[in-house]
Amino acid sequence: MKILLAIDGSDFSEVAINELKKMTLSSNSEIHIINVYELPKTTGLGLHTMGGKIGNYIEEIKSNAQKLGNKIVSEAFDKIKAENKALTITTSVVSGLPKSTINEKAEDWGADLIVVGSQGHGAFSRLVLGSVSQYLTTNAKCSVLIARDRNKK
């Protein structure tokens, strides 16, 4: 079984990691842990105040997002591997729109299951921001597990 675990370092992602750790998986199961960061949209308005060093600013944002993403997937890798050392686990940190990038990765990799945490947004937030889990349940070609914290109301 090929499982794509999409995490962002939030408490909701921790719930997804813990849900995956509870699963009984065969030793030939593969897990790919992905973190997708979205770069801020920049326009020409107001950028002149940054002293013309926009390229450096954007590169610094990318570098910091990559470092944070690497830390997030590395910690998840360690937690899951500690539960089952026989599992094949790979990781990636990529830039893009999270919901579509996760879906594309799952399709390209041939995932059997996508595991994500629930963001817990209300209806208005989902309307404005869009929900990664909602998008995946609608568009993914494989099964999607949305992990929820049973203790939260």
N, C-alpha and C. Protein backbone atom coordinates (compact mmCIF):
# COMPACT_ATOMS: atom_id res chain seq x y z
N MET A 1 0.84 -1.18 0.00
CA MET A 1 0.00 0.00 0.00
C MET A 1 0.88 1.24 0.00
N LYS A 2 0.52 2.21 -0.82
CA LYS A 2 1.26 3.47 -0.90
C LYS A 2 0.41 4.57 -0.26
N ILE A 3 0.97 5.18 0.79
CA ILE A 3 0.25 6.18 1.55
C ILE A 3 0.98 7.51 1.47
N LEU A 4 0.26 8.55 1.08
CA LEU A 4 0.81 9.90 1.05
C LEU A 4 0.30 10.63 2.28
N LEU A 5 1.21 11.05 3.14
CA LEU A 5 0.88 11.81 4.34
C LEU A 5 1.24 13.26 4.09
N ALA A 6 0.23 14.12 4.04
CA ALA A 6 0.45 15.55 3.79
C ALA A 6 0.33 16.31 5.11
N ILE A 7 1.42 16.99 5.48
CA ILE A 7 1.46 17.68 6.77
C ILE A 7 2.00 19.09 6.62
N ASP A 8 1.61 19.94 7.59
CA ASP A 8 2.07 21.33 7.56
C ASP A 8 2.65 21.80 8.90
N GLY A 9 2.81 20.88 9.84
CA GLY A 9 3.38 21.24 11.13
C GLY A 9 2.35 21.70 12.15
N SER A 10 1.09 21.74 11.79
CA SER A 10 0.03 22.17 12.70
C SER A 10 -0.37 21.04 13.64
N ASP A 11 -1.19 21.39 14.64
CA ASP A 11 -1.74 20.37 15.53
C ASP A 11 -2.57 19.37 14.74
N PHE A 12 -3.24 19.83 13.67
CA PHE A 12 -4.05 18.95 12.84
C PHE A 12 -3.16 17.91 12.14
N SER A 13 -1.98 18.33 11.75
CA SER A 13 -1.03 17.39 11.13
C SER A 13 -0.55 16.36 12.13
N GLU A 14 -0.38 16.77 13.36
CA GLU A 14 0.03 15.83 14.41
C GLU A 14 -1.02 14.75 14.59
N VAL A 15 -2.28 15.13 14.50
CA VAL A 15 -3.37 14.15 14.59
C VAL A 15 -3.27 13.16 13.43
N ALA A 16 -2.96 13.66 12.22
CA ALA A 16 -2.82 12.79 11.05
C ALA A 16 -1.65 11.82 11.23
N ILE A 17 -0.54 12.31 11.75
CA ILE A 17 0.63 11.45 12.01
C ILE A 17 0.25 10.35 13.00
N ASN A 18 -0.42 10.73 14.07
CA ASN A 18 -0.80 9.75 15.09
C ASN A 18 -1.79 8.73 14.55
N GLU A 19 -2.69 9.16 13.69
CA GLU A 19 -3.66 8.24 13.07
C GLU A 19 -2.92 7.23 12.19
N LEU A 20 -1.95 7.70 11.44
CA LEU A 20 -1.16 6.81 10.59
C LEU A 20 -0.35 5.82 11.43
N LYS A 21 0.19 6.28 12.54
CA LYS A 21 0.97 5.40 13.41
C LYS A 21 0.12 4.27 13.98
N LYS A 22 -1.18 4.49 14.14
CA LYS A 22 -2.08 3.47 14.69
C LYS A 22 -2.41 2.36 13.68
N MET A 23 -2.22 2.64 12.40
CA MET A 23 -2.58 1.67 11.36
C MET A 23 -1.64 0.48 11.38
N THR A 24 -2.21 -0.69 11.13
CA THR A 24 -1.41 -1.89 10.96
C THR A 24 -1.05 -1.98 9.48
N LEU A 25 0.21 -1.80 9.20
CA LEU A 25 0.67 -1.77 7.81
C LEU A 25 1.64 -2.92 7.56
N SER A 26 1.58 -3.49 6.38
CA SER A 26 2.54 -4.54 6.03
C SER A 26 3.92 -3.92 5.83
N SER A 27 4.93 -4.74 5.92
CA SER A 27 6.30 -4.25 5.80
C SER A 27 6.61 -3.75 4.39
N ASN A 28 5.80 -4.12 3.40
CA ASN A 28 6.05 -3.61 2.05
C ASN A 28 5.25 -2.34 1.76
N SER A 29 4.60 -1.78 2.77
CA SER A 29 3.91 -0.50 2.60
C SER A 29 4.93 0.61 2.42
N GLU A 30 4.54 1.59 1.63
CA GLU A 30 5.39 2.75 1.41
C GLU A 30 4.64 3.99 1.88
N ILE A 31 5.36 4.87 2.55
CA ILE A 31 4.79 6.13 2.99
C ILE A 31 5.62 7.26 2.41
N HIS A 32 4.95 8.22 1.84
CA HIS A 32 5.64 9.43 1.38
C HIS A 32 5.06 10.59 2.18
N ILE A 33 5.93 11.29 2.89
CA ILE A 33 5.52 12.44 3.70
C ILE A 33 5.84 13.69 2.91
N ILE A 34 4.82 14.52 2.71
CA ILE A 34 5.01 15.74 1.92
C ILE A 34 4.58 16.97 2.71
N ASN A 35 5.36 18.01 2.55
CA ASN A 35 5.02 19.33 3.08
C ASN A 35 5.02 20.28 1.88
N VAL A 36 3.92 20.99 1.72
CA VAL A 36 3.79 21.94 0.62
C VAL A 36 3.66 23.33 1.21
N TYR A 37 4.56 24.21 0.82
CA TYR A 37 4.47 25.60 1.27
C TYR A 37 4.08 26.48 0.09
N GLU A 38 3.35 27.51 0.40
CA GLU A 38 2.89 28.43 -0.63
C GLU A 38 3.61 29.76 -0.47
N LEU A 39 4.26 30.19 -1.53
CA LEU A 39 4.96 31.48 -1.49
C LEU A 39 3.94 32.60 -1.58
N PRO A 40 4.22 33.72 -0.89
CA PRO A 40 3.28 34.84 -0.96
C PRO A 40 3.24 35.43 -2.37
N LYS A 41 2.06 35.89 -2.73
CA LYS A 41 1.91 36.55 -4.03
C LYS A 41 2.52 37.95 -3.89
N THR A 42 3.35 38.33 -4.85
CA THR A 42 3.96 39.65 -4.80
C THR A 42 3.50 40.46 -6.00
N THR A 43 3.36 41.74 -5.77
CA THR A 43 3.02 42.66 -6.85
C THR A 43 4.01 43.80 -6.82
N GLY A 44 3.97 44.63 -7.79
CA GLY A 44 4.88 45.77 -7.85
C GLY A 44 4.54 46.85 -6.84
N LEU A 45 3.35 46.82 -6.30
CA LEU A 45 2.93 47.85 -5.35
C LEU A 45 3.67 47.72 -4.03
N GLY A 46 4.31 48.78 -3.62
CA GLY A 46 4.96 48.82 -2.33
C GLY A 46 6.30 48.10 -2.26
N LEU A 47 6.73 47.46 -3.29
CA LEU A 47 7.97 46.71 -3.22
C LEU A 47 9.19 47.63 -3.30
N HIS A 48 9.00 48.84 -3.77
CA HIS A 48 10.13 49.77 -3.86
C HIS A 48 10.69 50.09 -2.47
N THR A 49 9.90 49.92 -1.42
CA THR A 49 10.37 50.22 -0.07
C THR A 49 11.38 49.19 0.43
N MET A 50 11.55 48.12 -0.30
CA MET A 50 12.47 47.08 0.12
C MET A 50 13.87 47.28 -0.47
N GLY A 51 14.10 48.43 -1.02
CA GLY A 51 15.43 48.75 -1.51
C GLY A 51 15.84 48.01 -2.76
N GLY A 52 14.89 47.53 -3.54
CA GLY A 52 15.21 46.88 -4.80
C GLY A 52 15.82 45.50 -4.65
N LYS A 53 15.70 44.90 -3.50
CA LYS A 53 16.31 43.58 -3.27
C LYS A 53 15.24 42.51 -3.17
N ILE A 54 14.29 42.58 -4.08
CA ILE A 54 13.17 41.64 -4.06
C ILE A 54 13.65 40.21 -4.26
N GLY A 55 14.59 40.02 -5.16
CA GLY A 55 15.10 38.68 -5.41
C GLY A 55 15.65 38.04 -4.14
N ASN A 56 16.40 38.82 -3.36
CA ASN A 56 16.95 38.31 -2.10
C ASN A 56 15.84 38.00 -1.10
N TYR A 57 14.83 38.86 -1.06
CA TYR A 57 13.70 38.68 -0.15
C TYR A 57 12.96 37.38 -0.48
N ILE A 58 12.65 37.17 -1.74
CA ILE A 58 11.94 35.97 -2.17
C ILE A 58 12.79 34.72 -1.90
N GLU A 59 14.08 34.78 -2.19
CA GLU A 59 14.96 33.65 -1.93
C GLU A 59 15.04 33.33 -0.44
N GLU A 60 15.04 34.36 0.38
CA GLU A 60 15.07 34.14 1.83
C GLU A 60 13.78 33.47 2.31
N ILE A 61 12.65 33.89 1.77
CA ILE A 61 11.37 33.26 2.12
C ILE A 61 11.39 31.79 1.70
N LYS A 62 11.84 31.51 0.48
CA LYS A 62 11.92 30.13 -0.01
C LYS A 62 12.83 29.29 0.88
N SER A 63 13.98 29.83 1.21
CA SER A 63 14.95 29.11 2.02
C SER A 63 14.38 28.78 3.40
N ASN A 64 13.74 29.78 4.03
CA ASN A 64 13.15 29.56 5.34
C ASN A 64 12.00 28.55 5.29
N ALA A 65 11.17 28.64 4.26
CA ALA A 65 10.05 27.70 4.11
C ALA A 65 10.59 26.28 3.88
N GLN A 66 11.65 26.16 3.10
CA GLN A 66 12.26 24.85 2.84
C GLN A 66 12.85 24.27 4.13
N LYS A 67 13.54 25.10 4.90
CA LYS A 67 14.13 24.63 6.17
C LYS A 67 13.05 24.17 7.13
N LEU A 68 11.99 24.96 7.27
CA LEU A 68 10.89 24.59 8.15
C LEU A 68 10.22 23.31 7.66
N GLY A 69 9.97 23.22 6.37
CA GLY A 69 9.37 22.02 5.79
C GLY A 69 10.22 20.78 6.04
N ASN A 70 11.53 20.92 5.87
CA ASN A 70 12.44 19.80 6.13
C ASN A 70 12.37 19.34 7.59
N LYS A 71 12.27 20.30 8.49
CA LYS A 71 12.15 19.97 9.92
C LYS A 71 10.84 19.24 10.18
N ILE A 72 9.74 19.71 9.58
CA ILE A 72 8.42 19.11 9.77
C ILE A 72 8.41 17.67 9.28
N VAL A 73 8.90 17.43 8.07
CA VAL A 73 8.85 16.06 7.52
C VAL A 73 9.85 15.15 8.22
N SER A 74 10.98 15.69 8.65
CA SER A 74 11.98 14.89 9.36
C SER A 74 11.44 14.40 10.71
N GLU A 75 10.75 15.27 11.43
CA GLU A 75 10.17 14.89 12.71
C GLU A 75 9.08 13.83 12.52
N ALA A 76 8.26 14.00 11.49
CA ALA A 76 7.21 13.02 11.21
C ALA A 76 7.84 11.68 10.81
N PHE A 77 8.88 11.72 9.99
CA PHE A 77 9.60 10.52 9.59
C PHE A 77 10.06 9.75 10.83
N ASP A 78 10.69 10.45 11.77
CA ASP A 78 11.22 9.81 12.97
C ASP A 78 10.10 9.17 13.80
N LYS A 79 8.97 9.86 13.94
CA LYS A 79 7.85 9.33 14.73
C LYS A 79 7.27 8.08 14.10
N ILE A 80 7.10 8.08 12.80
CA ILE A 80 6.49 6.94 12.11
C ILE A 80 7.47 5.76 12.05
N LYS A 81 8.73 6.05 11.77
CA LYS A 81 9.75 5.00 11.69
C LYS A 81 9.93 4.31 13.04
N ALA A 82 9.78 5.06 14.13
CA ALA A 82 9.92 4.48 15.46
C ALA A 82 8.84 3.43 15.73
N GLU A 83 7.69 3.58 15.10
CA GLU A 83 6.59 2.62 15.26
C GLU A 83 6.79 1.37 14.41
N ASN A 84 7.39 1.53 13.23
CA ASN A 84 7.55 0.40 12.32
C ASN A 84 8.82 0.62 11.49
N LYS A 85 9.91 0.06 11.93
CA LYS A 85 11.20 0.26 11.28
C LYS A 85 11.28 -0.35 9.88
N ALA A 86 10.39 -1.29 9.56
CA ALA A 86 10.42 -1.97 8.26
C ALA A 86 9.80 -1.14 7.14
N LEU A 87 9.07 -0.09 7.49
CA LEU A 87 8.40 0.72 6.47
C LEU A 87 9.40 1.47 5.60
N THR A 88 9.07 1.60 4.34
CA THR A 88 9.83 2.47 3.44
C THR A 88 9.18 3.84 3.50
N ILE A 89 9.95 4.82 3.94
CA ILE A 89 9.41 6.18 4.09
C ILE A 89 10.30 7.15 3.32
N THR A 90 9.67 7.96 2.49
CA THR A 90 10.38 9.02 1.77
C THR A 90 9.70 10.35 2.12
N THR A 91 10.40 11.44 1.84
CA THR A 91 9.87 12.76 2.16
C THR A 91 10.14 13.73 1.02
N SER A 92 9.32 14.78 0.99
CA SER A 92 9.60 15.88 0.07
C SER A 92 9.00 17.16 0.63
N VAL A 93 9.63 18.26 0.27
CA VAL A 93 9.15 19.60 0.62
C VAL A 93 9.12 20.37 -0.69
N VAL A 94 7.93 20.86 -1.05
CA VAL A 94 7.77 21.52 -2.34
C VAL A 94 6.94 22.79 -2.20
N SER A 95 7.11 23.66 -3.17
CA SER A 95 6.35 24.90 -3.24
C SER A 95 5.16 24.71 -4.17
N GLY A 96 4.03 25.28 -3.81
CA GLY A 96 2.86 25.21 -4.67
C GLY A 96 1.59 25.47 -3.90
N LEU A 97 0.48 25.40 -4.57
CA LEU A 97 -0.82 25.51 -3.93
C LEU A 97 -1.06 24.16 -3.25
N PRO A 98 -1.14 24.11 -1.92
CA PRO A 98 -1.17 22.83 -1.22
C PRO A 98 -2.19 21.82 -1.75
N LYS A 99 -3.43 22.21 -1.91
CA LYS A 99 -4.45 21.21 -2.29
C LYS A 99 -4.18 20.58 -3.65
N SER A 100 -3.81 21.37 -4.63
CA SER A 100 -3.57 20.79 -5.96
C SER A 100 -2.22 20.07 -6.02
N THR A 101 -1.22 20.58 -5.31
CA THR A 101 0.10 19.94 -5.32
C THR A 101 0.05 18.57 -4.64
N ILE A 102 -0.68 18.47 -3.53
CA ILE A 102 -0.83 17.19 -2.84
C ILE A 102 -1.54 16.20 -3.76
N ASN A 103 -2.60 16.65 -4.40
CA ASN A 103 -3.36 15.78 -5.30
C ASN A 103 -2.49 15.31 -6.47
N GLU A 104 -1.74 16.22 -7.06
CA GLU A 104 -0.86 15.87 -8.19
C GLU A 104 0.21 14.86 -7.76
N LYS A 105 0.80 15.08 -6.58
CA LYS A 105 1.82 14.16 -6.08
C LYS A 105 1.23 12.77 -5.87
N ALA A 106 0.02 12.72 -5.31
CA ALA A 106 -0.63 11.44 -5.07
C ALA A 106 -0.87 10.70 -6.39
N GLU A 107 -1.34 11.42 -7.39
CA GLU A 107 -1.59 10.80 -8.70
C GLU A 107 -0.29 10.33 -9.35
N ASP A 108 0.72 11.21 -9.37
CA ASP A 108 2.00 10.88 -10.01
C ASP A 108 2.68 9.69 -9.34
N TRP A 109 2.55 9.60 -8.03
CA TRP A 109 3.21 8.55 -7.25
C TRP A 109 2.39 7.26 -7.23
N GLY A 110 1.12 7.36 -7.56
CA GLY A 110 0.25 6.18 -7.53
C GLY A 110 -0.21 5.82 -6.13
N ALA A 111 -0.50 6.83 -5.32
CA ALA A 111 -0.92 6.60 -3.94
C ALA A 111 -2.24 5.84 -3.88
N ASP A 112 -2.34 4.96 -2.89
CA ASP A 112 -3.59 4.25 -2.61
C ASP A 112 -4.43 5.02 -1.60
N LEU A 113 -3.76 5.85 -0.79
CA LEU A 113 -4.43 6.58 0.29
C LEU A 113 -3.69 7.88 0.55
N ILE A 114 -4.46 8.94 0.77
CA ILE A 114 -3.91 10.22 1.22
C ILE A 114 -4.40 10.42 2.64
N VAL A 115 -3.49 10.77 3.55
CA VAL A 115 -3.84 11.05 4.94
C VAL A 115 -3.54 12.52 5.21
N VAL A 116 -4.55 13.24 5.67
CA VAL A 116 -4.42 14.66 6.03
C VAL A 116 -5.14 14.91 7.34
N GLY A 117 -4.79 15.99 7.99
CA GLY A 117 -5.52 16.42 9.17
C GLY A 117 -6.65 17.33 8.77
N SER A 118 -7.64 17.42 9.62
CA SER A 118 -8.75 18.32 9.37
C SER A 118 -8.36 19.72 9.86
N GLN A 119 -8.58 20.70 9.04
CA GLN A 119 -8.27 22.07 9.44
C GLN A 119 -9.27 22.61 10.43
N GLY A 120 -10.49 22.12 10.36
CA GLY A 120 -11.49 22.58 11.31
C GLY A 120 -12.07 23.94 10.99
N HIS A 121 -11.92 24.43 9.75
CA HIS A 121 -12.50 25.70 9.38
C HIS A 121 -14.01 25.62 9.39
N GLY A 122 -14.66 26.74 9.67
CA GLY A 122 -16.10 26.82 9.53
C GLY A 122 -16.47 27.01 8.08
N ALA A 123 -17.76 27.07 7.81
CA ALA A 123 -18.24 27.18 6.42
C ALA A 123 -17.72 28.43 5.74
N PHE A 124 -17.69 29.56 6.43
CA PHE A 124 -17.24 30.81 5.81
C PHE A 124 -15.75 30.73 5.45
N SER A 125 -14.93 30.21 6.36
CA SER A 125 -13.49 30.08 6.09
C SER A 125 -13.24 29.17 4.90
N ARG A 126 -13.99 28.06 4.83
CA ARG A 126 -13.82 27.15 3.70
C ARG A 126 -14.18 27.84 2.40
N LEU A 127 -15.22 28.67 2.44
CA LEU A 127 -15.66 29.38 1.25
C LEU A 127 -14.57 30.35 0.78
N VAL A 128 -13.99 31.07 1.72
CA VAL A 128 -12.98 32.08 1.38
C VAL A 128 -11.63 31.45 1.10
N LEU A 129 -11.17 30.57 1.98
CA LEU A 129 -9.82 30.01 1.90
C LEU A 129 -9.74 28.72 1.08
N GLY A 130 -10.82 28.00 1.06
CA GLY A 130 -10.78 26.68 0.44
C GLY A 130 -10.23 25.70 1.44
N SER A 131 -10.68 24.49 1.40
CA SER A 131 -10.24 23.46 2.33
C SER A 131 -9.45 22.41 1.58
N VAL A 132 -8.24 22.15 2.05
CA VAL A 132 -7.41 21.12 1.42
C VAL A 132 -8.10 19.77 1.50
N SER A 133 -8.58 19.42 2.68
CA SER A 133 -9.22 18.11 2.84
C SER A 133 -10.48 18.00 1.99
N GLN A 134 -11.26 19.05 1.92
CA GLN A 134 -12.47 19.03 1.10
C GLN A 134 -12.11 18.87 -0.38
N TYR A 135 -11.10 19.60 -0.83
CA TYR A 135 -10.66 19.50 -2.22
C TYR A 135 -10.20 18.07 -2.54
N LEU A 136 -9.42 17.49 -1.64
CA LEU A 136 -8.90 16.15 -1.88
C LEU A 136 -10.01 15.11 -1.91
N THR A 137 -10.98 15.21 -1.02
CA THR A 137 -12.06 14.23 -1.03
C THR A 137 -12.88 14.32 -2.30
N THR A 138 -12.93 15.49 -2.90
CA THR A 138 -13.69 15.69 -4.13
C THR A 138 -12.89 15.30 -5.37
N ASN A 139 -11.58 15.55 -5.37
CA ASN A 139 -10.77 15.42 -6.58
C ASN A 139 -9.78 14.27 -6.62
N ALA A 140 -9.41 13.72 -5.50
CA ALA A 140 -8.40 12.66 -5.49
C ALA A 140 -8.93 11.40 -6.15
N LYS A 141 -8.04 10.68 -6.83
CA LYS A 141 -8.41 9.43 -7.49
C LYS A 141 -8.22 8.23 -6.57
N CYS A 142 -7.75 8.49 -5.35
CA CYS A 142 -7.58 7.43 -4.37
C CYS A 142 -8.39 7.78 -3.12
N SER A 143 -8.37 6.90 -2.16
CA SER A 143 -9.07 7.15 -0.90
C SER A 143 -8.36 8.25 -0.12
N VAL A 144 -9.14 8.97 0.69
CA VAL A 144 -8.61 10.05 1.52
C VAL A 144 -9.07 9.83 2.95
N LEU A 145 -8.13 9.86 3.88
CA LEU A 145 -8.45 9.77 5.30
C LEU A 145 -8.23 11.14 5.91
N ILE A 146 -9.28 11.70 6.48
CA ILE A 146 -9.18 12.99 7.17
C ILE A 146 -9.16 12.70 8.66
N ALA A 147 -8.01 12.90 9.27
CA ALA A 147 -7.84 12.59 10.68
C ALA A 147 -8.35 13.76 11.52
N ARG A 148 -9.16 13.43 12.52
CA ARG A 148 -9.71 14.44 13.42
C ARG A 148 -9.35 14.11 14.84
N ASP A 149 -9.18 15.15 15.64
CA ASP A 149 -8.92 14.99 17.06
C ASP A 149 -10.27 14.75 17.75
N ARG A 150 -10.46 13.57 18.26
CA ARG A 150 -11.74 13.21 18.89
C ARG A 150 -12.00 14.00 20.16
N ASN A 151 -10.96 14.56 20.76
CA ASN A 151 -11.12 15.29 22.02
C ASN A 151 -11.48 16.76 21.83
N LYS A 152 -11.37 17.26 20.60
CA LYS A 152 -11.69 18.68 20.33
C LYS A 152 -13.13 18.79 19.94
N LYS A 153 -13.75 19.86 20.34
CA LYS A 153 -15.14 20.10 19.96
C LYS A 153 -15.26 21.25 19.02
